[in-house]
Amino acid sequence: MKPYLIKATALLGSLVLGMTLAVSPVDAAEKKKDPGKKLYMTKTCMACHGRGGKKAIMDYPNLAGQSEKYMIRQINEIISGKRKGSPDNTGHPRSQGMRGALVTPEENKPTITKDEIKLIAAYLSKEEPAKPKAPTEPIDPESAAAGEKLYKKKCKSCHGKEGKKPLKGNPIIAGQKHNYLTIQISDIKSKARSTGKTAAMFAAVKNLTDEQIKSLADYLSQIDRTAQ
């Protein structure tokens, strides 16, 4: 190899090595697992809400990208027994499964600390939301349009434009699972769920028909929060 090629090769090698050394600490930091993610995976949350909070099973909600403060309050209300809900297919209140996973049956004490709850909520709030999934039965465009109109009249003031930017303490509902939306609106209407800010929402949904509730779910469930 000619002398100038040897020098050029050596210089290139030095630059590559320097770049590698320069980014190594950053790469190491990026690869380090978020403590909230570790807790999410070990505290049985992932079993029902799916990897990254994006693939919840049955009627459980997807939590990725949800409001951090809202999740903290809901977890605490479920652990305390304040938040219940209508019966699921087991005949028990919908929140009982989650409470059973986070509270000891003998002593009725939480198996998760306040700080751990905050870490899990912080992790989930930063995750990219799940993409919308159409329900088994195709959504009628007219129903979704009626749901959008109804949302603007009844829900926008608290949950924000398209359900993406709620007032403090309220959940983000854009792109949430169809069944979950339907159940929660119905539960608040029937007062099966009556904690947190549901009293204000009750006034907005108490006169809704089943068809109107379905239209709201048709509209909200198909909003893609990943396309912004």
Protein backbone atom coordinates (compact mmCIF):
# COMPACT_ATOMS: atom_id res chain seq x y z
CA MET A 1 0.00 0.00 0.00
CA LYS A 2 1.28 3.47 -0.88
CA PRO A 3 2.36 5.74 2.04
CA TYR A 4 -0.44 8.28 1.51
CA LEU A 5 -3.03 5.47 1.53
CA ILE A 6 -1.61 4.09 4.77
CA LYS A 7 -1.85 7.54 6.37
CA ALA A 8 -5.40 8.01 5.08
CA THR A 9 -6.44 4.61 6.39
CA ALA A 10 -4.90 5.32 9.78
CA LEU A 11 -6.63 8.71 9.96
CA LEU A 12 -10.01 7.19 9.06
CA GLY A 13 -9.52 4.52 11.70
CA SER A 14 -8.78 7.17 14.30
CA LEU A 15 -11.90 9.13 13.35
CA VAL A 16 -14.13 6.04 13.55
CA LEU A 17 -12.64 5.11 16.92
CA GLY A 18 -13.14 8.65 18.19
CA MET A 19 -16.75 8.71 17.04
CA THR A 20 -17.39 5.32 18.65
CA LEU A 21 -15.93 6.46 21.96
CA ALA A 22 -17.90 9.70 21.77
CA VAL A 23 -21.30 8.03 21.34
CA SER A 24 -20.75 5.02 23.55
CA PRO A 25 -21.94 6.72 26.80
CA VAL A 26 -25.07 7.96 25.02
CA ASP A 27 -25.80 4.54 23.57
CA ALA A 28 -25.31 2.98 26.99
CA ALA A 29 -27.74 5.45 28.55
CA GLU A 30 -30.33 4.80 25.85
CA LYS A 31 -30.08 1.07 26.33
CA LYS A 32 -30.54 1.35 30.07
CA LYS A 33 -34.07 0.24 30.93
CA ASP A 34 -36.52 2.79 32.28
CA PRO A 35 -37.27 1.85 35.93
CA GLY A 36 -40.97 2.41 35.19
CA LYS A 37 -40.78 -0.06 32.33
CA LYS A 38 -39.20 -2.68 34.58
CA LEU A 39 -41.94 -2.20 37.16
CA TYR A 40 -44.64 -2.31 34.49
CA MET A 41 -43.34 -5.67 33.34
CA THR A 42 -42.91 -7.16 36.81
CA LYS A 43 -46.01 -5.85 38.63
CA THR A 44 -48.39 -7.86 36.39
CA CYS A 45 -49.56 -4.73 34.50
CA MET A 46 -48.39 -6.08 31.15
CA ALA A 47 -50.50 -9.24 31.48
CA CYS A 48 -53.70 -7.23 30.92
CA HIS A 49 -52.56 -4.00 29.25
CA GLY A 50 -50.04 -5.54 26.85
CA ARG A 51 -46.47 -4.71 25.92
CA GLY A 52 -45.88 -0.99 26.27
CA GLY A 53 -49.52 -0.49 27.22
CA LYS A 54 -50.54 -0.88 23.56
CA LYS A 55 -52.19 -4.30 23.33
CA ALA A 56 -54.66 -4.59 26.19
CA ILE A 57 -56.68 -7.79 26.36
CA MET A 58 -60.47 -8.13 26.69
CA ASP A 59 -62.09 -4.86 27.80
CA TYR A 60 -59.03 -3.38 29.50
CA PRO A 61 -57.83 0.01 28.18
CA ASN A 62 -54.66 0.74 26.24
CA LEU A 63 -52.55 2.99 28.46
CA ALA A 64 -49.69 4.09 26.21
CA GLY A 65 -49.63 7.87 25.92
CA GLN A 66 -52.27 8.39 28.60
CA SER A 67 -52.15 11.33 31.01
CA GLU A 68 -49.65 10.61 33.79
CA LYS A 69 -51.65 12.28 36.56
CA TYR A 70 -54.86 10.60 35.45
CA MET A 71 -53.26 7.13 35.60
CA ILE A 72 -51.82 7.77 39.06
CA ARG A 73 -55.23 8.75 40.39
CA GLN A 74 -56.98 5.79 38.81
CA ILE A 75 -54.46 3.25 40.10
CA ASN A 76 -54.78 4.67 43.61
CA GLU A 77 -58.59 4.64 43.44
CA ILE A 78 -58.63 1.04 42.25
CA ILE A 79 -56.24 -0.05 45.01
CA SER A 80 -58.31 1.75 47.65
CA GLY A 81 -61.50 0.13 46.32
CA LYS A 82 -63.12 3.47 45.44
CA ARG A 83 -63.31 2.78 41.72
CA LYS A 84 -65.48 -0.19 40.83
CA GLY A 85 -67.62 -0.49 37.71
CA SER A 86 -70.21 -2.81 36.23
CA PRO A 87 -69.67 -6.59 36.41
CA ASP A 88 -67.38 -8.20 33.86
CA ASN A 89 -67.78 -11.75 32.52
CA THR A 90 -66.72 -13.13 35.91
CA GLY A 91 -69.58 -11.33 37.64
CA HIS A 92 -67.20 -9.07 39.59
CA PRO A 93 -66.66 -5.31 39.23
CA ARG A 94 -64.32 -4.60 36.31
CA SER A 95 -61.66 -3.05 38.53
CA GLN A 96 -61.46 -6.08 40.84
CA GLY A 97 -59.01 -7.96 38.64
CA MET A 98 -56.49 -5.13 38.78
CA ARG A 99 -57.03 -4.61 42.49
CA GLY A 100 -56.48 -8.32 43.11
CA ALA A 101 -53.13 -8.10 41.33
CA LEU A 102 -51.95 -5.14 43.41
CA VAL A 103 -53.36 -5.87 46.87
CA THR A 104 -52.59 -8.82 49.16
CA PRO A 105 -55.72 -10.93 49.77
CA GLU A 106 -54.83 -11.70 53.40
CA GLU A 107 -53.79 -8.31 54.76
CA ASN A 108 -55.49 -6.14 52.14
CA LYS A 109 -52.27 -4.16 51.67
CA PRO A 110 -50.86 -2.80 48.39
CA THR A 111 -48.01 -4.73 46.80
CA ILE A 112 -46.90 -1.56 45.02
CA THR A 113 -45.64 1.73 46.50
CA LYS A 114 -46.70 5.28 45.69
CA ASP A 115 -43.30 5.92 44.08
CA GLU A 116 -43.59 2.78 41.95
CA ILE A 117 -47.01 3.89 40.73
CA LYS A 118 -45.54 7.25 39.70
CA LEU A 119 -42.69 5.56 37.81
CA ILE A 120 -45.07 3.27 35.92
CA ALA A 121 -47.38 6.15 35.03
CA ALA A 122 -44.43 8.28 33.86
CA TYR A 123 -43.19 5.44 31.65
CA LEU A 124 -46.59 4.76 30.07
CA SER A 125 -47.34 8.44 29.47
CA LYS A 126 -44.23 8.72 27.28
CA GLU A 127 -44.97 5.64 25.17
CA GLU A 128 -46.36 6.13 21.67
CA PRO A 129 -50.12 5.45 21.69
CA ALA A 130 -51.56 2.36 20.05
CA LYS A 131 -52.91 2.67 16.54
CA PRO A 132 -56.71 2.49 16.29
CA LYS A 133 -58.22 -0.94 15.83
CA ALA A 134 -61.58 -1.25 14.13
CA PRO A 135 -64.18 -3.29 16.04
CA THR A 136 -65.36 -6.66 14.74
CA GLU A 137 -68.39 -5.10 13.10
CA PRO A 138 -67.49 -2.40 10.55
CA ILE A 139 -68.19 1.14 11.73
CA ASP A 140 -71.00 2.96 9.98
CA PRO A 141 -69.59 6.30 8.70
CA GLU A 142 -72.89 8.00 9.54
CA SER A 143 -72.69 6.75 13.12
CA ALA A 144 -69.12 8.03 13.46
CA ALA A 145 -70.16 11.40 12.02
CA ALA A 146 -73.03 11.58 14.51
CA GLY A 147 -70.56 10.70 17.27
CA GLU A 148 -68.23 13.51 16.24
CA LYS A 149 -71.08 16.02 16.31
CA LEU A 150 -72.23 14.76 19.70
CA TYR A 151 -68.67 14.81 21.05
CA LYS A 152 -68.24 18.47 20.14
CA LYS A 153 -71.48 19.29 21.93
CA LYS A 154 -71.11 17.13 25.05
CA CYS A 155 -67.46 16.21 25.59
CA LYS A 156 -65.05 18.65 23.95
CA SER A 157 -65.05 21.19 26.79
CA CYS A 158 -63.45 18.66 29.18
CA HIS A 159 -61.59 16.25 26.88
CA GLY A 160 -60.36 18.75 24.29
CA LYS A 161 -60.28 18.71 20.51
CA GLU A 162 -60.75 15.13 19.25
CA GLY A 163 -60.24 13.85 22.80
CA LYS A 164 -56.49 14.51 22.62
CA LYS A 165 -55.98 17.43 25.01
CA PRO A 166 -58.19 17.10 28.09
CA LEU A 167 -58.44 19.49 30.98
CA LYS A 168 -56.13 18.63 33.87
CA GLY A 169 -57.22 15.44 35.62
CA ASN A 170 -59.28 14.08 32.73
CA PRO A 171 -58.22 11.19 30.48
CA ILE A 172 -57.13 11.28 26.86
CA ILE A 173 -59.86 9.31 25.09
CA ALA A 174 -58.89 9.64 21.42
CA GLY A 175 -58.07 6.25 19.91
CA GLN A 176 -59.13 4.31 23.00
CA LYS A 177 -60.61 0.83 22.53
CA HIS A 178 -64.21 0.81 21.33
CA ASN A 179 -65.53 -1.60 23.98
CA TYR A 180 -63.75 0.23 26.79
CA LEU A 181 -65.24 3.58 25.76
CA THR A 182 -68.72 2.10 25.50
CA ILE A 183 -68.50 0.41 28.89
CA GLN A 184 -67.09 3.42 30.75
CA ILE A 185 -69.64 5.89 29.35
CA SER A 186 -72.41 3.42 30.22
CA ASP A 187 -70.99 2.85 33.72
CA ILE A 188 -70.84 6.57 34.43
CA LYS A 189 -74.39 6.98 33.14
CA SER A 190 -75.65 4.17 35.41
CA LYS A 191 -73.40 5.36 38.30
CA ALA A 192 -71.71 1.97 38.46
CA ARG A 193 -68.55 4.08 38.25
CA SER A 194 -68.75 7.17 40.43
CA THR A 195 -65.27 8.28 41.51
CA GLY A 196 -62.96 11.10 40.46
CA LYS A 197 -64.59 13.56 38.08
CA THR A 198 -67.44 11.31 37.01
CA ALA A 199 -70.03 13.56 38.67
CA ALA A 200 -69.35 16.25 36.06
CA MET A 201 -69.44 13.69 33.27
CA PHE A 202 -72.69 12.19 34.55
CA ALA A 203 -74.45 15.46 33.77
CA ALA A 204 -73.26 15.20 30.16
CA VAL A 205 -74.12 11.52 29.58
CA LYS A 206 -77.16 10.83 31.76
CA ASN A 207 -79.62 11.29 28.88
CA LEU A 208 -77.60 9.56 26.16
CA THR A 209 -79.17 6.58 24.41
CA ASP A 210 -77.29 3.34 23.76
CA GLU A 211 -77.12 4.34 20.10
CA GLN A 212 -75.55 7.69 20.96
CA ILE A 213 -73.00 6.04 23.24
CA LYS A 214 -72.08 3.67 20.42
CA SER A 215 -71.71 6.61 18.02
CA LEU A 216 -69.32 8.35 20.43
CA ALA A 217 -67.24 5.15 20.64
CA ASP A 218 -67.38 4.74 16.85
CA TYR A 219 -65.93 8.23 16.44
CA LEU A 220 -63.37 8.32 19.25
CA SER A 221 -61.98 4.80 18.81
CA GLN A 222 -60.83 5.52 15.25
CA ILE A 223 -58.85 8.70 15.94
CA ASP A 224 -55.18 7.99 15.24
CA ARG A 225 -52.97 9.73 17.79
CA THR A 226 -49.83 8.42 16.10
CA ALA A 227 -50.56 10.50 12.98
CA GLN A 228 -49.71 13.95 14.27
